[in-house]
């Protein structure tokens, strides 16, 4: 199985006019911005990129850029020791979704730097698909992806937000949400008890229907509450 790993570069460039603060950190002089970042909230963000063919993320550069900007903004708000995890989803097949990127924010992996890398990755999704490096997939296994997240990452140790760049059209053994009469099954227990929030960026995108968007938002809102998320946000546009 081919796995793609986003390269993480290290090193810090400091301008001549930068402000400094003296901190006891390996007996080094630490830029004031680092001290401020160390005081920002510590949290975990799990980002799922839906590569199913129905999702505009795979072929709409303008939409992909909007998603990228929003996700990058969330990462920039995190403090040191926060975690960022990026995965792809679509088919229920590990070989189809071998991409992963994991970072723990620190002086070496600063929030701004990690945000820039993740922003470029998301914004370049249509390009990666068009070049055949990633493939538009024929199923949308959102529930199976979330199940894997609950098992592999979970919600312990720090506040956890799951952000999915998806149209919300589950198309799997669990549900066919393109069918207006179909519904999401309720979760088995509360696998995300204690998790801060589930966000869906682009819910209903591609359906061109406000009614369908409201229906999908209602389905996922109900599911997220039952699964234990403290909040749900489903955005079609912003």
Protein backbone atom coordinates (compact mmCIF):
# COMPACT_ATOMS: atom_id res chain seq x y z
CA UNK A 1 0.00 0.00 0.00
CA UNK A 2 1.38 3.34 -0.98
CA UNK A 3 1.31 5.91 1.79
CA UNK A 4 1.81 9.59 1.22
CA UNK A 5 3.45 11.58 4.03
CA UNK A 6 3.37 15.34 3.95
CA UNK A 7 6.93 16.53 4.55
CA UNK A 8 7.40 18.74 7.57
CA UNK A 9 10.24 21.23 7.34
CA UNK A 10 11.89 22.65 10.40
CA UNK A 11 13.72 25.84 11.13
CA UNK A 12 12.68 29.32 12.14
CA UNK A 13 13.51 32.57 10.36
CA UNK A 14 13.55 35.59 12.63
CA UNK A 15 13.40 39.10 11.17
CA UNK A 16 15.61 41.92 12.35
CA UNK A 17 12.70 43.84 13.80
CA UNK A 18 11.15 40.95 15.76
CA UNK A 19 10.24 41.34 19.42
CA UNK A 20 11.82 38.95 21.86
CA UNK A 21 11.04 37.56 25.26
CA UNK A 22 13.53 35.77 27.45
CA UNK A 23 12.22 32.36 28.46
CA UNK A 24 13.73 29.37 30.19
CA UNK A 25 13.51 26.90 27.33
CA UNK A 26 16.74 25.04 26.73
CA UNK A 27 18.40 28.28 27.91
CA UNK A 28 17.50 30.00 24.64
CA UNK A 29 16.02 33.40 23.87
CA UNK A 30 12.50 32.70 22.66
CA UNK A 31 10.54 35.01 20.31
CA UNK A 32 7.62 36.70 22.04
CA UNK A 33 5.19 35.12 19.56
CA UNK A 34 6.25 31.68 20.83
CA UNK A 35 5.39 32.65 24.38
CA UNK A 36 1.95 33.83 23.24
CA UNK A 37 1.40 30.60 21.32
CA UNK A 38 2.38 28.56 24.35
CA UNK A 39 -0.48 30.25 26.20
CA UNK A 40 -3.09 29.47 23.50
CA UNK A 41 -5.57 26.62 24.07
CA UNK A 42 -4.29 23.06 23.70
CA UNK A 43 -6.64 20.98 21.56
CA UNK A 44 -6.79 18.19 19.03
CA UNK A 45 -8.15 18.66 15.49
CA UNK A 46 -8.90 15.70 13.23
CA UNK A 47 -9.45 16.65 9.58
CA UNK A 48 -11.13 14.29 7.12
CA UNK A 49 -10.99 15.04 3.38
CA UNK A 50 -13.85 13.39 1.50
CA UNK A 51 -12.55 12.23 -1.88
CA UNK A 52 -15.85 10.76 -3.08
CA UNK A 53 -16.84 11.88 -6.56
CA UNK A 54 -19.98 13.66 -5.31
CA UNK A 55 -17.96 16.07 -3.17
CA UNK A 56 -16.97 19.36 -4.88
CA UNK A 57 -13.67 19.31 -2.97
CA UNK A 58 -12.27 16.93 -5.61
CA UNK A 59 -12.89 19.14 -8.66
CA UNK A 60 -13.73 22.70 -7.58
CA UNK A 61 -10.58 24.75 -6.84
CA UNK A 62 -12.54 27.75 -5.57
CA UNK A 63 -14.46 25.65 -3.06
CA UNK A 64 -11.33 23.75 -2.04
CA UNK A 65 -9.56 27.06 -1.34
CA UNK A 66 -12.44 28.22 0.89
CA UNK A 67 -12.29 25.01 2.90
CA UNK A 68 -8.51 25.30 3.10
CA UNK A 69 -8.66 28.85 4.47
CA UNK A 70 -11.18 27.94 7.15
CA UNK A 71 -9.29 24.87 8.33
CA UNK A 72 -5.98 26.75 8.36
CA UNK A 73 -7.53 29.44 10.53
CA UNK A 74 -8.56 26.83 13.07
CA UNK A 75 -5.05 25.38 13.20
CA UNK A 76 -3.47 28.82 13.65
CA UNK A 77 -5.57 29.33 16.79
CA UNK A 78 -4.08 26.28 18.53
CA UNK A 79 -1.42 26.33 21.20
CA UNK A 80 1.75 24.31 21.53
CA UNK A 81 1.25 20.61 22.35
CA UNK A 82 -1.94 20.59 20.27
CA UNK A 83 -2.40 17.77 17.78
CA UNK A 84 -3.35 17.96 14.10
CA UNK A 85 -4.34 14.81 12.20
CA UNK A 86 -5.31 14.74 8.51
CA UNK A 87 -6.81 11.72 6.72
CA UNK A 88 -8.73 11.05 3.50
CA UNK A 89 -11.99 9.13 3.25
CA UNK A 90 -14.34 7.73 0.66
CA UNK A 91 -14.25 4.03 -0.14
CA UNK A 92 -14.11 1.58 2.76
CA UNK A 93 -10.67 0.44 1.71
CA UNK A 94 -7.45 1.33 3.50
CA UNK A 95 -5.45 1.07 0.27
CA UNK A 96 -7.69 3.72 -1.31
CA UNK A 97 -7.06 6.17 1.54
CA UNK A 98 -3.45 5.74 2.52
CA UNK A 99 -2.69 9.41 3.08
CA UNK A 100 -1.97 10.58 6.60
CA UNK A 101 -0.40 13.62 8.21
CA UNK A 102 0.14 14.03 11.94
CA UNK A 103 1.72 16.93 13.80
CA UNK A 104 2.17 17.99 17.40
CA UNK A 105 2.52 21.77 17.52
CA UNK A 106 5.76 23.03 19.01
CA UNK A 107 8.55 25.53 18.39
CA UNK A 108 9.71 23.31 15.52
CA UNK A 109 6.21 22.64 14.13
CA UNK A 110 4.62 26.02 14.73
CA UNK A 111 0.87 26.54 14.23
CA UNK A 112 1.42 28.97 11.34
CA UNK A 113 3.72 26.53 9.55
CA UNK A 114 1.46 23.51 10.03
CA UNK A 115 -1.57 25.61 9.00
CA UNK A 116 0.20 26.64 5.78
CA UNK A 117 1.03 23.02 4.91
CA UNK A 118 -2.50 21.78 5.57
CA UNK A 119 -3.97 24.75 3.72
CA UNK A 120 -1.90 23.95 0.62
CA UNK A 121 -2.82 20.28 0.81
CA UNK A 122 -6.56 20.99 0.92
CA UNK A 123 -6.45 23.75 -1.70
CA UNK A 124 -4.46 21.44 -4.01
CA UNK A 125 -6.92 18.54 -3.69
CA UNK A 126 -8.51 19.14 -7.15
CA UNK A 127 -5.02 19.29 -8.66
CA UNK A 128 -3.93 16.08 -6.91
CA UNK A 129 -7.05 14.36 -8.26
CA UNK A 130 -6.63 15.70 -11.79
CA UNK A 131 -3.02 14.49 -11.85
CA UNK A 132 -4.04 11.03 -10.65
CA UNK A 133 -2.09 11.25 -7.37
CA UNK A 134 -5.41 10.97 -5.56
CA UNK A 135 -8.52 9.36 -7.04
CA UNK A 136 -12.17 10.40 -6.89
CA UNK A 137 -13.91 7.50 -5.14
CA UNK A 138 -17.28 5.91 -5.81
CA UNK A 139 -18.47 5.51 -2.20
CA UNK A 140 -18.78 7.84 0.78
CA UNK A 141 -18.09 6.01 4.03
CA UNK A 142 -18.34 8.87 6.50
CA UNK A 143 -19.69 6.72 9.33
CA UNK A 144 -16.95 4.11 8.90
CA UNK A 145 -14.34 6.87 8.87
CA UNK A 146 -15.74 8.31 12.09
CA UNK A 147 -15.73 4.86 13.67
CA UNK A 148 -12.04 4.53 12.85
CA UNK A 149 -11.38 7.98 14.32
CA UNK A 150 -13.13 7.03 17.56
CA UNK A 151 -10.98 3.91 17.83
CA UNK A 152 -7.62 5.32 16.75
CA UNK A 153 -7.71 8.89 18.07
CA UNK A 154 -10.68 9.27 20.38
CA UNK A 155 -11.48 12.23 22.59
CA UNK A 156 -9.24 11.75 25.62
CA UNK A 157 -6.47 13.97 26.97
CA UNK A 158 -7.56 17.22 25.28
CA UNK A 159 -10.62 18.88 23.66
CA UNK A 160 -11.15 17.25 20.27
CA UNK A 161 -12.83 18.65 17.16
CA UNK A 162 -13.46 16.58 14.04
CA UNK A 163 -13.66 18.64 10.84
CA UNK A 164 -14.89 16.89 7.70
CA UNK A 165 -14.61 18.52 4.28
CA UNK A 166 -17.64 16.69 2.90
CA UNK A 167 -21.03 17.15 1.28
CA UNK A 168 -22.49 14.82 3.93
CA UNK A 169 -23.94 12.39 1.40
CA UNK A 170 -23.24 9.08 3.16
CA UNK A 171 -23.28 6.38 0.47
CA UNK A 172 -22.41 3.08 2.09
CA UNK A 173 -23.83 -0.10 3.60
CA UNK A 174 -25.18 2.06 6.43
CA UNK A 175 -27.22 4.56 4.42
CA UNK A 176 -27.82 6.02 0.98
CA UNK A 177 -28.56 9.63 1.82
CA UNK A 178 -29.08 10.55 -1.83
CA UNK A 179 -32.42 8.82 -1.25
CA UNK A 180 -34.62 11.34 0.65
CA UNK A 181 -36.42 8.50 2.45
CA UNK A 182 -33.23 7.00 3.87
CA UNK A 183 -31.76 7.90 7.26
CA UNK A 184 -28.52 7.51 9.18
CA UNK A 185 -28.54 4.66 11.71
CA UNK A 186 -28.05 5.73 15.29
CA UNK A 187 -24.57 5.09 16.71
CA UNK A 188 -23.83 2.14 18.91
CA UNK A 189 -23.43 3.84 22.28
CA UNK A 190 -21.69 7.22 22.52
CA UNK A 191 -18.33 6.71 20.80
CA UNK A 192 -17.58 10.44 20.82
CA UNK A 193 -18.63 11.20 24.39
CA UNK A 194 -16.60 14.22 25.52
CA UNK A 195 -15.60 15.33 22.02
CA UNK A 196 -16.00 19.07 21.56
CA UNK A 197 -17.47 19.34 18.08
CA UNK A 198 -18.19 17.71 14.73
CA UNK A 199 -17.98 20.14 11.81
CA UNK A 200 -18.96 19.45 8.21
CA UNK A 201 -17.71 21.97 5.68
CA UNK A 202 -19.67 21.81 2.44
CA UNK A 203 -22.73 19.87 3.60
CA UNK A 204 -25.23 19.73 0.75
CA UNK A 205 -22.72 21.20 -1.70
CA UNK A 206 -23.35 19.82 -5.16
CA UNK A 207 -27.04 19.09 -4.52
CA UNK A 208 -27.93 22.69 -5.45
CA UNK A 209 -30.92 22.33 -3.14
CA UNK A 210 -31.52 24.25 0.11
CA UNK A 211 -34.12 21.65 1.09
CA UNK A 212 -31.65 18.79 0.66
CA UNK A 213 -29.01 20.76 2.56
CA UNK A 214 -31.39 21.23 5.50
CA UNK A 215 -32.30 17.53 5.43
CA UNK A 216 -28.65 16.47 5.49
CA UNK A 217 -27.84 18.94 8.26
CA UNK A 218 -30.69 17.54 10.32
CA UNK A 219 -29.54 13.95 9.81
CA UNK A 220 -25.99 14.67 10.90
CA UNK A 221 -26.97 16.97 13.74
CA UNK A 222 -29.16 14.22 15.21
CA UNK A 223 -26.44 11.62 14.74
CA UNK A 224 -23.69 13.81 16.23
CA UNK A 225 -25.71 14.51 19.37
CA UNK A 226 -26.47 10.80 19.83
CA UNK A 227 -22.79 9.93 19.29
CA UNK A 228 -21.71 12.24 22.12
CA UNK A 229 -20.38 15.34 20.37
CA UNK A 230 -21.03 18.45 22.42
CA UNK A 231 -21.73 20.54 19.31
CA UNK A 232 -22.43 20.06 15.61
CA UNK A 233 -21.92 22.59 12.83
CA UNK A 234 -22.90 21.82 9.25
CA UNK A 235 -21.97 24.59 6.83
CA UNK A 236 -23.00 24.65 3.20
CA UNK A 237 -21.22 27.94 2.63
CA UNK A 238 -19.68 30.65 4.81
